[in-house]
N, C-alpha and C. Protein backbone atom coordinates (compact mmCIF):
# COMPACT_ATOMS: atom_id res chain seq x y z
N ILE A 1 216.67 140.58 77.13
CA ILE A 1 216.94 139.59 78.16
C ILE A 1 215.64 139.30 78.87
N ASP A 2 215.22 138.04 78.87
CA ASP A 2 213.92 137.65 79.42
C ASP A 2 214.14 136.79 80.66
N GLY A 3 213.60 137.27 81.78
CA GLY A 3 213.75 136.51 83.02
C GLY A 3 212.82 135.32 83.13
N GLY A 4 211.89 135.19 82.19
CA GLY A 4 211.01 134.03 82.17
C GLY A 4 210.05 133.95 83.33
N ASN A 5 209.87 135.07 84.05
CA ASN A 5 209.00 135.10 85.24
C ASN A 5 209.42 134.08 86.30
N VAL A 6 210.72 133.79 86.33
CA VAL A 6 211.26 132.89 87.35
C VAL A 6 211.42 133.64 88.66
N ALA A 7 210.99 133.03 89.76
CA ALA A 7 211.09 133.68 91.07
C ALA A 7 212.53 134.06 91.39
N ASP A 8 212.72 135.24 91.96
CA ASP A 8 214.02 135.77 92.36
C ASP A 8 215.00 135.89 91.20
N SER A 9 214.49 136.16 90.01
CA SER A 9 215.37 136.40 88.87
C SER A 9 215.71 137.89 88.79
N TYR A 10 216.99 138.20 88.63
CA TYR A 10 217.43 139.59 88.59
C TYR A 10 218.85 139.64 88.03
N LEU A 11 219.30 140.85 87.69
CA LEU A 11 220.67 141.09 87.26
C LEU A 11 221.29 142.08 88.23
N ALA A 12 222.40 141.71 88.85
CA ALA A 12 223.10 142.60 89.77
C ALA A 12 224.56 142.69 89.36
N ILE A 13 225.06 143.91 89.21
CA ILE A 13 226.46 144.15 88.89
C ILE A 13 227.03 145.04 89.98
N VAL A 14 228.06 144.57 90.66
CA VAL A 14 228.65 145.28 91.78
C VAL A 14 230.06 145.71 91.41
N GLY A 15 230.33 147.02 91.51
CA GLY A 15 231.65 147.53 91.16
C GLY A 15 232.42 147.97 92.39
N ASP A 16 233.73 148.04 92.24
CA ASP A 16 234.62 148.48 93.31
C ASP A 16 235.43 149.68 92.86
N ASP A 17 235.70 150.58 93.78
CA ASP A 17 236.61 151.71 93.56
C ASP A 17 236.27 152.49 92.29
N ASP A 18 237.15 152.51 91.29
CA ASP A 18 236.97 153.35 90.11
C ASP A 18 236.24 152.65 88.97
N ALA A 19 235.46 151.65 89.27
CA ALA A 19 234.83 150.84 88.23
C ALA A 19 233.94 151.68 87.33
N GLY A 20 233.92 151.32 86.04
CA GLY A 20 232.98 151.90 85.09
C GLY A 20 232.06 150.81 84.57
N LEU A 21 230.77 151.04 84.62
CA LEU A 21 229.79 150.05 84.20
C LEU A 21 228.82 150.68 83.21
N LEU A 22 228.50 149.96 82.13
CA LEU A 22 227.60 150.48 81.11
C LEU A 22 226.64 149.40 80.66
N ILE A 23 225.33 149.70 80.72
CA ILE A 23 224.29 148.89 80.09
C ILE A 23 223.68 149.74 78.99
N GLU A 24 223.68 149.24 77.76
CA GLU A 24 223.24 150.05 76.64
C GLU A 24 222.48 149.19 75.63
N GLY A 25 221.31 149.69 75.22
CA GLY A 25 220.58 149.10 74.11
C GLY A 25 219.98 147.73 74.38
N LEU A 26 219.64 147.45 75.64
CA LEU A 26 219.08 146.15 75.99
C LEU A 26 217.62 146.30 76.45
N THR A 27 216.87 145.23 76.31
CA THR A 27 215.51 145.15 76.83
C THR A 27 215.48 144.11 77.93
N PHE A 28 214.93 144.49 79.09
CA PHE A 28 214.78 143.58 80.22
C PHE A 28 213.29 143.40 80.45
N ARG A 29 212.83 142.15 80.44
CA ARG A 29 211.42 141.89 80.68
C ARG A 29 211.25 140.60 81.46
N ASN A 30 210.13 140.53 82.19
CA ASN A 30 209.70 139.31 82.89
C ASN A 30 210.69 138.84 83.96
N PHE A 31 211.42 139.78 84.58
CA PHE A 31 212.20 139.43 85.76
C PHE A 31 211.30 139.53 86.99
N ARG A 32 211.58 138.69 87.97
CA ARG A 32 210.81 138.70 89.21
C ARG A 32 211.79 138.78 90.39
N GLY A 33 212.27 139.99 90.66
CA GLY A 33 213.20 140.19 91.76
C GLY A 33 212.55 139.89 93.10
N SER A 34 213.39 139.80 94.13
CA SER A 34 212.87 139.52 95.46
C SER A 34 212.03 140.69 95.96
N LEU A 35 211.28 140.47 97.04
CA LEU A 35 210.39 141.50 97.57
C LEU A 35 211.15 142.75 97.99
N ASN A 36 212.43 142.60 98.33
CA ASN A 36 213.22 143.75 98.75
C ASN A 36 214.41 143.98 97.84
N GLY A 37 214.32 143.52 96.60
CA GLY A 37 215.41 143.67 95.67
C GLY A 37 214.95 144.24 94.34
N ALA A 38 215.93 144.53 93.49
CA ALA A 38 215.66 145.14 92.20
C ALA A 38 215.77 144.12 91.08
N ALA A 39 215.13 144.41 89.97
CA ALA A 39 215.28 143.57 88.79
C ALA A 39 216.66 143.77 88.17
N VAL A 40 217.12 145.04 88.12
CA VAL A 40 218.45 145.35 87.60
C VAL A 40 219.11 146.30 88.60
N LYS A 41 220.33 145.94 89.04
CA LYS A 41 220.98 146.70 90.10
C LYS A 41 222.43 146.96 89.74
N LEU A 42 222.84 148.24 89.79
CA LEU A 42 224.24 148.64 89.63
C LEU A 42 224.64 149.39 90.89
N VAL A 43 225.62 148.88 91.62
CA VAL A 43 225.99 149.50 92.89
C VAL A 43 227.50 149.53 93.06
N LEU A 44 227.97 150.56 93.77
CA LEU A 44 229.36 150.65 94.21
C LEU A 44 229.42 150.01 95.59
N ASP A 45 230.15 148.90 95.68
CA ASP A 45 230.11 148.10 96.91
C ASP A 45 231.30 148.36 97.81
N VAL A 46 232.49 148.53 97.24
CA VAL A 46 233.69 148.71 98.03
C VAL A 46 234.36 150.02 97.64
N GLY A 47 234.71 150.82 98.63
CA GLY A 47 235.38 152.08 98.35
C GLY A 47 234.39 153.21 98.14
N THR A 48 234.93 154.43 98.12
CA THR A 48 234.09 155.61 97.95
C THR A 48 234.65 156.50 96.84
N SER A 49 235.24 155.90 95.84
CA SER A 49 235.85 156.67 94.76
C SER A 49 234.81 157.54 94.06
N ASP A 50 235.15 158.82 93.83
CA ASP A 50 234.22 159.67 93.11
C ASP A 50 234.43 159.57 91.60
N ALA A 51 235.27 158.65 91.15
CA ALA A 51 235.50 158.45 89.72
C ALA A 51 234.62 157.35 89.13
N ALA A 52 234.00 156.55 89.97
CA ALA A 52 233.17 155.44 89.47
C ALA A 52 232.00 155.99 88.65
N LEU A 53 231.79 155.44 87.46
CA LEU A 53 230.76 155.92 86.54
C LEU A 53 229.88 154.75 86.13
N TYR A 54 228.58 154.82 86.48
CA TYR A 54 227.62 153.76 86.15
C TYR A 54 226.57 154.35 85.22
N GLN A 55 226.36 153.70 84.08
CA GLN A 55 225.46 154.24 83.07
C GLN A 55 224.48 153.18 82.57
N ILE A 56 223.23 153.59 82.42
CA ILE A 56 222.22 152.80 81.71
C ILE A 56 221.59 153.73 80.69
N ARG A 57 221.63 153.33 79.42
CA ARG A 57 221.08 154.19 78.39
C ARG A 57 220.53 153.39 77.23
N TYR A 58 219.56 153.99 76.55
CA TYR A 58 218.92 153.39 75.38
C TYR A 58 218.40 151.97 75.66
N SER A 59 217.85 151.76 76.84
CA SER A 59 217.36 150.44 77.22
C SER A 59 215.89 150.50 77.62
N ARG A 60 215.26 149.32 77.65
CA ARG A 60 213.83 149.22 77.98
C ARG A 60 213.65 148.21 79.11
N PHE A 61 212.73 148.54 80.01
CA PHE A 61 212.41 147.68 81.15
C PHE A 61 210.90 147.52 81.18
N LEU A 62 210.42 146.34 80.81
CA LEU A 62 209.00 146.13 80.60
C LEU A 62 208.51 144.87 81.31
N ASN A 63 207.37 144.99 81.99
CA ASN A 63 206.66 143.82 82.53
C ASN A 63 207.49 143.02 83.52
N ASN A 64 208.28 143.73 84.32
CA ASN A 64 209.03 143.10 85.41
C ASN A 64 208.28 143.26 86.72
N THR A 65 208.61 142.41 87.70
CA THR A 65 208.03 142.51 89.04
C THR A 65 209.18 142.53 90.04
N ALA A 66 209.27 143.61 90.83
CA ALA A 66 210.37 143.74 91.78
C ALA A 66 210.08 144.88 92.74
N ASN A 67 210.90 145.01 93.78
CA ASN A 67 210.79 146.13 94.69
C ASN A 67 211.15 147.44 93.99
N GLN A 68 212.23 147.38 93.22
CA GLN A 68 212.59 148.44 92.28
C GLN A 68 212.92 147.76 90.95
N VAL A 69 212.60 148.41 89.87
CA VAL A 69 212.98 147.85 88.58
C VAL A 69 214.45 148.13 88.32
N VAL A 70 214.88 149.37 88.55
CA VAL A 70 216.29 149.76 88.40
C VAL A 70 216.76 150.39 89.70
N ASP A 71 217.89 149.91 90.22
CA ASP A 71 218.48 150.44 91.45
C ASP A 71 219.93 150.80 91.14
N MET A 72 220.28 152.09 91.27
CA MET A 72 221.64 152.54 91.01
C MET A 72 222.18 153.30 92.22
N SER A 73 223.42 152.99 92.57
CA SER A 73 224.07 153.68 93.68
C SER A 73 225.56 153.77 93.39
N GLY A 74 226.09 154.98 93.41
CA GLY A 74 227.50 155.15 93.11
C GLY A 74 227.87 156.61 93.08
N ALA A 75 229.00 156.93 92.47
CA ALA A 75 229.47 158.31 92.43
C ALA A 75 228.83 159.09 91.29
N GLN A 76 229.00 158.62 90.07
CA GLN A 76 228.42 159.27 88.90
C GLN A 76 227.40 158.33 88.27
N LEU A 77 226.15 158.69 88.36
CA LEU A 77 225.07 157.84 87.88
C LEU A 77 224.43 158.50 86.66
N ARG A 78 224.31 157.75 85.58
CA ARG A 78 223.72 158.26 84.34
C ARG A 78 222.60 157.32 83.90
N PHE A 79 221.38 157.82 83.89
CA PHE A 79 220.22 157.05 83.43
C PHE A 79 219.56 157.88 82.35
N VAL A 80 219.80 157.52 81.10
CA VAL A 80 219.48 158.42 79.99
C VAL A 80 218.82 157.65 78.85
N ASP A 81 217.73 158.20 78.32
CA ASP A 81 217.07 157.67 77.12
C ASP A 81 216.57 156.24 77.31
N ASN A 82 215.89 155.99 78.40
CA ASN A 82 215.36 154.67 78.70
C ASN A 82 213.83 154.70 78.78
N LEU A 83 213.23 153.53 78.60
CA LEU A 83 211.80 153.34 78.81
C LEU A 83 211.61 152.35 79.95
N VAL A 84 210.89 152.77 80.99
CA VAL A 84 210.58 151.90 82.14
C VAL A 84 209.08 151.93 82.30
N ALA A 85 208.39 150.84 81.94
CA ALA A 85 206.94 150.92 81.86
C ALA A 85 206.27 149.58 82.08
N ASN A 86 205.06 149.67 82.58
CA ASN A 86 204.20 148.49 82.78
C ASN A 86 204.87 147.42 83.63
N ASN A 87 205.60 147.88 84.66
CA ASN A 87 206.18 146.98 85.65
C ASN A 87 205.33 146.99 86.92
N THR A 88 205.49 145.96 87.74
CA THR A 88 204.76 145.84 89.00
C THR A 88 205.75 145.93 90.16
N LEU A 89 205.50 146.87 91.07
CA LEU A 89 206.39 147.12 92.19
C LEU A 89 205.81 146.52 93.46
N VAL A 90 206.62 145.73 94.16
CA VAL A 90 206.15 144.98 95.33
C VAL A 90 207.18 145.10 96.45
N GLY A 91 206.80 144.66 97.66
CA GLY A 91 207.74 144.58 98.77
C GLY A 91 207.57 145.69 99.78
N ALA A 92 208.36 145.59 100.85
CA ALA A 92 208.22 146.50 101.98
C ALA A 92 209.16 147.70 101.90
N ALA A 93 210.24 147.59 101.17
CA ALA A 93 211.19 148.70 101.06
C ALA A 93 210.65 149.75 100.09
N ILE A 94 211.49 150.71 99.69
CA ILE A 94 211.05 151.78 98.80
C ILE A 94 210.63 151.18 97.47
N ARG A 95 209.35 151.28 97.17
CA ARG A 95 208.83 150.73 95.91
C ARG A 95 208.85 151.83 94.85
N THR A 96 209.70 151.66 93.88
CA THR A 96 209.80 152.66 92.82
C THR A 96 210.37 152.02 91.56
N ALA A 97 209.99 152.54 90.42
CA ALA A 97 210.48 151.98 89.17
C ALA A 97 211.99 152.22 89.02
N VAL A 98 212.43 153.45 89.30
CA VAL A 98 213.84 153.79 89.20
C VAL A 98 214.29 154.46 90.50
N TYR A 99 215.34 153.91 91.10
CA TYR A 99 215.86 154.41 92.38
C TYR A 99 217.33 154.76 92.20
N ALA A 100 217.67 156.03 92.36
CA ALA A 100 219.06 156.49 92.29
C ALA A 100 219.44 157.05 93.65
N LYS A 101 220.47 156.46 94.26
CA LYS A 101 220.82 156.79 95.63
C LYS A 101 222.29 157.22 95.72
N TYR A 102 222.51 158.33 96.43
CA TYR A 102 223.87 158.79 96.66
C TYR A 102 224.64 157.77 97.51
N THR A 103 225.94 157.65 97.24
CA THR A 103 226.81 156.75 97.98
C THR A 103 227.60 157.53 99.02
N TYR A 104 227.84 156.93 100.15
CA TYR A 104 228.53 157.57 101.26
C TYR A 104 229.88 158.13 100.81
N ASP A 105 230.06 159.44 101.01
CA ASP A 105 231.34 160.11 100.83
C ASP A 105 231.92 159.93 99.42
N ALA A 106 231.05 159.83 98.40
CA ALA A 106 231.52 159.59 97.03
C ALA A 106 231.26 160.77 96.10
N ASN A 107 230.78 161.90 96.65
CA ASN A 107 230.51 163.09 95.83
C ASN A 107 229.59 162.74 94.65
N THR A 108 228.47 162.15 94.95
CA THR A 108 227.57 161.61 93.94
C THR A 108 226.87 162.71 93.14
N GLY A 109 226.71 162.45 91.85
CA GLY A 109 225.86 163.26 90.99
C GLY A 109 225.03 162.35 90.11
N VAL A 110 223.78 162.70 89.91
CA VAL A 110 222.85 161.87 89.12
C VAL A 110 222.44 162.64 87.87
N VAL A 111 222.45 161.97 86.75
CA VAL A 111 221.86 162.51 85.53
C VAL A 111 220.74 161.57 85.10
N ALA A 112 219.51 162.05 85.13
CA ALA A 112 218.35 161.28 84.68
C ALA A 112 217.63 162.13 83.63
N ASN A 113 217.95 161.90 82.37
CA ASN A 113 217.45 162.73 81.29
C ASN A 113 216.81 161.89 80.19
N ASN A 114 215.77 162.44 79.59
CA ASN A 114 215.17 161.90 78.36
C ASN A 114 214.58 160.50 78.53
N ASN A 115 214.07 160.21 79.71
CA ASN A 115 213.46 158.91 79.97
C ASN A 115 211.93 158.99 79.94
N THR A 116 211.30 157.87 79.65
CA THR A 116 209.87 157.71 79.88
C THR A 116 209.69 156.65 80.95
N ILE A 117 209.08 157.06 82.06
CA ILE A 117 208.85 156.17 83.21
C ILE A 117 207.36 156.25 83.49
N ALA A 118 206.62 155.22 83.10
CA ALA A 118 205.17 155.36 83.06
C ALA A 118 204.46 154.04 83.30
N ALA A 119 203.25 154.16 83.86
CA ALA A 119 202.31 153.04 83.99
C ALA A 119 202.89 151.88 84.78
N ASN A 120 203.72 152.19 85.77
CA ASN A 120 204.22 151.18 86.69
C ASN A 120 203.31 151.15 87.91
N THR A 121 202.82 149.99 88.28
CA THR A 121 201.86 149.88 89.37
C THR A 121 202.55 149.53 90.68
N GLY A 122 201.97 150.00 91.79
CA GLY A 122 202.43 149.60 93.12
C GLY A 122 203.46 150.50 93.75
N GLY A 123 203.94 151.53 93.04
CA GLY A 123 204.95 152.38 93.63
C GLY A 123 205.22 153.61 92.78
N SER A 124 206.30 154.30 93.12
CA SER A 124 206.65 155.57 92.49
C SER A 124 207.28 155.37 91.12
N GLY A 125 207.51 156.49 90.43
CA GLY A 125 208.17 156.46 89.14
C GLY A 125 209.68 156.58 89.29
N LEU A 126 210.15 157.77 89.65
CA LEU A 126 211.58 158.04 89.83
C LEU A 126 211.81 158.60 91.22
N VAL A 127 212.72 157.99 91.97
CA VAL A 127 213.13 158.50 93.28
C VAL A 127 214.63 158.75 93.24
N VAL A 128 215.03 160.00 93.52
CA VAL A 128 216.44 160.34 93.69
C VAL A 128 216.65 160.69 95.16
N ASP A 129 217.52 159.94 95.83
CA ASP A 129 217.68 160.04 97.28
C ASP A 129 219.13 160.38 97.61
N SER A 130 219.35 161.53 98.23
CA SER A 130 220.71 161.92 98.58
C SER A 130 221.23 161.19 99.81
N ALA A 131 220.35 160.47 100.51
CA ALA A 131 220.74 159.68 101.69
C ALA A 131 221.55 160.52 102.69
N SER A 132 221.19 161.80 102.77
CA SER A 132 221.83 162.74 103.71
C SER A 132 223.31 162.96 103.42
N GLN A 133 223.74 162.64 102.20
CA GLN A 133 225.12 162.90 101.80
C GLN A 133 225.25 164.29 101.18
N ILE A 134 226.45 164.86 101.25
CA ILE A 134 226.73 166.17 100.67
C ILE A 134 227.59 165.98 99.42
N SER A 135 227.23 166.68 98.36
CA SER A 135 227.95 166.54 97.10
C SER A 135 228.12 167.89 96.43
N SER A 136 229.22 168.06 95.71
CA SER A 136 229.43 169.27 94.93
C SER A 136 228.97 169.09 93.49
N ARG A 137 228.69 167.86 93.08
CA ARG A 137 228.23 167.61 91.72
C ARG A 137 226.77 168.01 91.58
N ILE A 138 226.44 168.50 90.40
CA ILE A 138 225.07 168.91 90.12
C ILE A 138 224.28 167.71 89.62
N THR A 139 223.16 167.43 90.26
CA THR A 139 222.23 166.41 89.79
C THR A 139 221.27 167.05 88.79
N GLU A 140 221.14 166.42 87.62
CA GLU A 140 220.26 166.95 86.58
C GLU A 140 219.16 165.95 86.27
N ILE A 141 217.92 166.43 86.33
CA ILE A 141 216.74 165.62 85.97
C ILE A 141 215.98 166.44 84.94
N ALA A 142 216.04 166.04 83.69
CA ALA A 142 215.51 166.91 82.64
C ALA A 142 214.89 166.10 81.51
N ASP A 143 213.84 166.67 80.92
CA ASP A 143 213.23 166.14 79.70
C ASP A 143 212.73 164.70 79.86
N ASN A 144 212.20 164.40 81.03
CA ASN A 144 211.59 163.10 81.26
C ASN A 144 210.08 163.19 81.18
N ILE A 145 209.45 162.08 80.81
CA ILE A 145 208.01 161.91 80.97
C ILE A 145 207.81 160.89 82.08
N ILE A 146 207.23 161.31 83.19
CA ILE A 146 207.03 160.44 84.35
C ILE A 146 205.57 160.54 84.71
N TRP A 147 204.80 159.53 84.37
CA TRP A 147 203.35 159.68 84.38
C TRP A 147 202.64 158.34 84.66
N GLY A 148 201.56 158.43 85.42
CA GLY A 148 200.66 157.30 85.57
C GLY A 148 201.21 156.14 86.37
N ASN A 149 202.14 156.43 87.27
CA ASN A 149 202.68 155.38 88.14
C ASN A 149 201.81 155.24 89.39
N GLY A 150 201.96 154.14 90.10
CA GLY A 150 201.08 153.83 91.21
C GLY A 150 201.30 154.70 92.43
N GLY A 151 202.46 155.32 92.55
CA GLY A 151 202.76 156.23 93.64
C GLY A 151 203.13 157.59 93.09
N THR A 152 203.93 158.35 93.84
CA THR A 152 204.39 159.65 93.37
C THR A 152 205.26 159.47 92.13
N ASP A 153 204.98 160.22 91.09
CA ASP A 153 205.74 160.05 89.85
C ASP A 153 207.19 160.47 90.00
N LEU A 154 207.42 161.64 90.56
CA LEU A 154 208.78 162.18 90.68
C LEU A 154 209.02 162.59 92.12
N GLN A 155 210.00 161.97 92.77
CA GLN A 155 210.29 162.26 94.17
C GLN A 155 211.79 162.51 94.32
N VAL A 156 212.11 163.68 94.83
CA VAL A 156 213.50 164.07 95.04
C VAL A 156 213.67 164.43 96.51
N THR A 157 214.49 163.67 97.23
CA THR A 157 214.59 163.85 98.67
C THR A 157 215.95 164.39 99.08
N ASP A 158 215.94 165.29 100.04
CA ASP A 158 217.14 165.80 100.71
C ASP A 158 218.06 166.62 99.82
N LEU A 159 217.64 167.00 98.63
CA LEU A 159 218.49 167.86 97.82
C LEU A 159 218.21 169.31 98.19
N GLY A 160 219.25 170.11 98.21
CA GLY A 160 219.10 171.50 98.58
C GLY A 160 220.37 172.25 98.29
N LEU A 161 220.70 173.24 99.11
CA LEU A 161 221.88 174.06 98.87
C LEU A 161 223.16 173.24 98.93
N LEU A 162 223.18 172.20 99.76
CA LEU A 162 224.39 171.39 99.89
C LEU A 162 224.50 170.32 98.81
N ASN A 163 223.42 170.11 98.06
CA ASN A 163 223.41 169.15 96.96
C ASN A 163 222.75 169.83 95.76
N PRO A 164 223.51 170.55 94.96
CA PRO A 164 222.91 171.34 93.88
C PRO A 164 222.20 170.45 92.87
N SER A 165 221.11 170.97 92.30
CA SER A 165 220.34 170.19 91.34
C SER A 165 219.72 171.10 90.30
N LEU A 166 219.45 170.53 89.14
CA LEU A 166 218.74 171.21 88.07
C LEU A 166 217.63 170.27 87.61
N ILE A 167 216.40 170.61 87.93
CA ILE A 167 215.24 169.79 87.58
C ILE A 167 214.39 170.61 86.63
N SER A 168 214.37 170.24 85.36
CA SER A 168 213.76 171.13 84.38
C SER A 168 213.10 170.37 83.23
N TYR A 169 212.05 170.96 82.70
CA TYR A 169 211.38 170.52 81.48
C TYR A 169 210.94 169.06 81.53
N ASN A 170 210.48 168.64 82.70
CA ASN A 170 209.88 167.32 82.83
C ASN A 170 208.37 167.42 82.70
N LEU A 171 207.76 166.38 82.18
CA LEU A 171 206.31 166.26 82.18
C LEU A 171 205.96 165.14 83.16
N TYR A 172 205.14 165.45 84.15
CA TYR A 172 204.91 164.52 85.25
C TYR A 172 203.46 164.59 85.69
N GLY A 173 203.07 163.63 86.53
CA GLY A 173 201.74 163.65 87.11
C GLY A 173 201.76 164.23 88.51
N THR A 174 202.54 163.61 89.41
CA THR A 174 202.64 164.07 90.80
C THR A 174 204.11 164.13 91.19
N HIS A 175 204.42 164.97 92.20
CA HIS A 175 205.80 165.03 92.65
C HIS A 175 205.84 165.30 94.15
N ALA A 176 207.01 165.00 94.75
CA ALA A 176 207.25 165.28 96.16
C ALA A 176 208.71 165.68 96.32
N GLY A 177 208.99 166.50 97.33
CA GLY A 177 210.35 166.94 97.57
C GLY A 177 210.53 168.39 97.18
N LEU A 178 211.60 168.67 96.46
CA LEU A 178 211.89 170.05 96.07
C LEU A 178 210.77 170.65 95.24
N PRO A 179 210.44 171.92 95.45
CA PRO A 179 209.50 172.59 94.56
C PRO A 179 210.05 172.61 93.14
N LEU A 180 209.16 172.49 92.15
CA LEU A 180 209.58 172.46 90.76
C LEU A 180 209.37 173.82 90.10
N THR A 181 210.23 174.14 89.16
CA THR A 181 210.11 175.39 88.43
C THR A 181 208.99 175.27 87.39
N ALA A 182 208.60 176.42 86.84
CA ALA A 182 207.43 176.46 85.96
C ALA A 182 207.64 175.74 84.64
N ASP A 183 208.88 175.45 84.25
CA ASP A 183 209.10 174.75 82.99
C ASP A 183 208.79 173.25 83.10
N ASN A 184 208.59 172.77 84.32
CA ASN A 184 208.10 171.40 84.51
C ASN A 184 206.57 171.42 84.41
N ILE A 185 206.02 170.50 83.63
CA ILE A 185 204.59 170.52 83.32
C ILE A 185 203.90 169.31 83.93
N SER A 186 202.81 169.53 84.63
CA SER A 186 201.97 168.44 85.11
C SER A 186 200.80 168.29 84.15
N ALA A 187 200.86 167.26 83.30
CA ALA A 187 199.83 167.06 82.28
C ALA A 187 199.92 165.64 81.74
N ASN A 188 198.81 165.16 81.21
CA ASN A 188 198.76 163.85 80.58
C ASN A 188 199.57 163.89 79.29
N PRO A 189 200.57 163.01 79.14
CA PRO A 189 201.41 163.05 77.93
C PRO A 189 200.72 162.53 76.68
N GLN A 190 199.59 161.84 76.83
CA GLN A 190 198.83 161.32 75.70
C GLN A 190 199.63 160.31 74.88
N PHE A 191 199.91 159.18 75.53
CA PHE A 191 200.58 158.08 74.83
C PHE A 191 199.64 157.47 73.79
N ILE A 192 200.20 156.87 72.76
CA ILE A 192 199.39 156.23 71.73
C ILE A 192 198.63 155.05 72.28
N ASN A 193 199.32 154.13 72.98
CA ASN A 193 198.65 152.96 73.56
C ASN A 193 199.56 152.37 74.63
N ALA A 194 199.48 152.93 75.85
CA ALA A 194 200.37 152.50 76.93
C ALA A 194 200.17 151.04 77.29
N ALA A 195 198.95 150.55 77.24
CA ALA A 195 198.67 149.16 77.62
C ALA A 195 199.40 148.17 76.71
N ALA A 196 199.66 148.59 75.48
CA ALA A 196 200.36 147.73 74.51
C ALA A 196 201.84 148.09 74.40
N ASN A 197 202.36 148.82 75.38
CA ASN A 197 203.76 149.25 75.40
C ASN A 197 204.12 150.17 74.24
N ASN A 198 203.13 150.87 73.72
CA ASN A 198 203.40 151.87 72.69
C ASN A 198 203.36 153.25 73.34
N PHE A 199 204.52 153.76 73.67
CA PHE A 199 204.61 155.02 74.40
C PHE A 199 205.01 156.19 73.48
N GLY A 200 204.75 156.01 72.21
CA GLY A 200 204.81 157.16 71.32
C GLY A 200 203.73 158.16 71.68
N LEU A 201 203.83 159.36 71.18
CA LEU A 201 202.94 160.45 71.58
C LEU A 201 201.95 160.78 70.47
N LEU A 202 200.71 161.04 70.88
CA LEU A 202 199.74 161.57 69.94
C LEU A 202 200.16 162.97 69.51
N VAL A 203 199.67 163.39 68.37
CA VAL A 203 200.08 164.70 67.85
C VAL A 203 199.61 165.84 68.75
N THR A 204 198.62 165.58 69.61
CA THR A 204 198.12 166.61 70.52
C THR A 204 198.84 166.61 71.87
N SER A 205 199.87 165.78 72.03
CA SER A 205 200.55 165.67 73.32
C SER A 205 201.22 166.98 73.74
N PRO A 206 201.06 167.38 75.02
CA PRO A 206 201.75 168.59 75.50
C PRO A 206 203.25 168.40 75.64
N ALA A 207 203.71 167.14 75.50
CA ALA A 207 205.15 166.89 75.62
C ALA A 207 205.90 167.27 74.34
N ILE A 208 205.20 167.34 73.22
CA ILE A 208 205.85 167.65 71.95
C ILE A 208 206.32 169.11 71.95
N ASN A 209 207.58 169.28 71.59
CA ASN A 209 208.20 170.62 71.53
C ASN A 209 208.20 171.34 72.87
N SER A 210 208.25 170.57 73.95
CA SER A 210 208.28 171.21 75.27
C SER A 210 209.59 170.94 76.01
N GLY A 211 210.60 170.44 75.32
CA GLY A 211 211.86 170.07 75.96
C GLY A 211 212.78 171.25 76.21
N ALA A 212 213.84 170.97 76.91
CA ALA A 212 214.82 172.01 77.26
C ALA A 212 215.58 172.47 76.04
N PRO A 213 215.88 173.75 75.93
CA PRO A 213 216.71 174.23 74.82
C PRO A 213 218.14 173.72 74.92
N ILE A 214 218.57 173.39 76.12
CA ILE A 214 219.91 172.84 76.34
C ILE A 214 219.90 172.07 77.65
N GLN A 215 220.72 171.03 77.70
CA GLN A 215 220.88 170.28 78.94
C GLN A 215 222.29 170.51 79.48
N LEU A 216 222.41 170.51 80.79
CA LEU A 216 223.70 170.74 81.42
C LEU A 216 224.71 169.68 80.97
N ASN A 217 224.26 168.43 80.86
CA ASN A 217 225.14 167.34 80.47
C ASN A 217 225.07 167.03 78.98
N GLY A 218 224.41 167.86 78.22
CA GLY A 218 224.40 167.69 76.78
C GLY A 218 223.37 166.70 76.32
N PHE A 219 222.91 166.85 75.10
CA PHE A 219 221.97 165.90 74.54
C PHE A 219 222.72 164.66 74.07
N PRO A 220 222.10 163.49 74.23
CA PRO A 220 222.80 162.26 73.85
C PRO A 220 222.89 162.14 72.33
């Protein structure tokens, strides 16, 4: 799906109550969201149902310009096996390539696994924000490559004992928020040619054979 670099071009899907939303196997490029909006947005707008499930998987987000490239907010958020790269982040609000935010009183849990989020300019890579909400669901952030973004690569805010999380086996450049365990590696992933959107790995990459032996939510 090509936004044609048209001003204020974006895709927004708003769900209510127990809605289930799925984006799978699509490429989004050349969208130009507003200064305070996202290129692609999935949000729970009405109700606080903890059954709502929003998923984006096996998709690519390339060469977009927006405040956030992907903005997700709901009860169960799944962002798995995606490429988000070479986008430009602008605006006054939270500038990040991928923004996952807990919804008020919805017992939110986030799964962000097996993604490459890299070479996005002007802001962070991945931000997971509990928005001061309390949840019993475990948020899992695992087996991602988050590298070379214009701000903090991996930022996890307000998660703690009241919001359980498992952050493991990620390769990243910089991070903020919760301390990371030793299985998370800060190292250059050695992409083949990031400028040309080739995010395959050189044979010398430290990311090869460094993934989790098992994921809480299972391998896709």
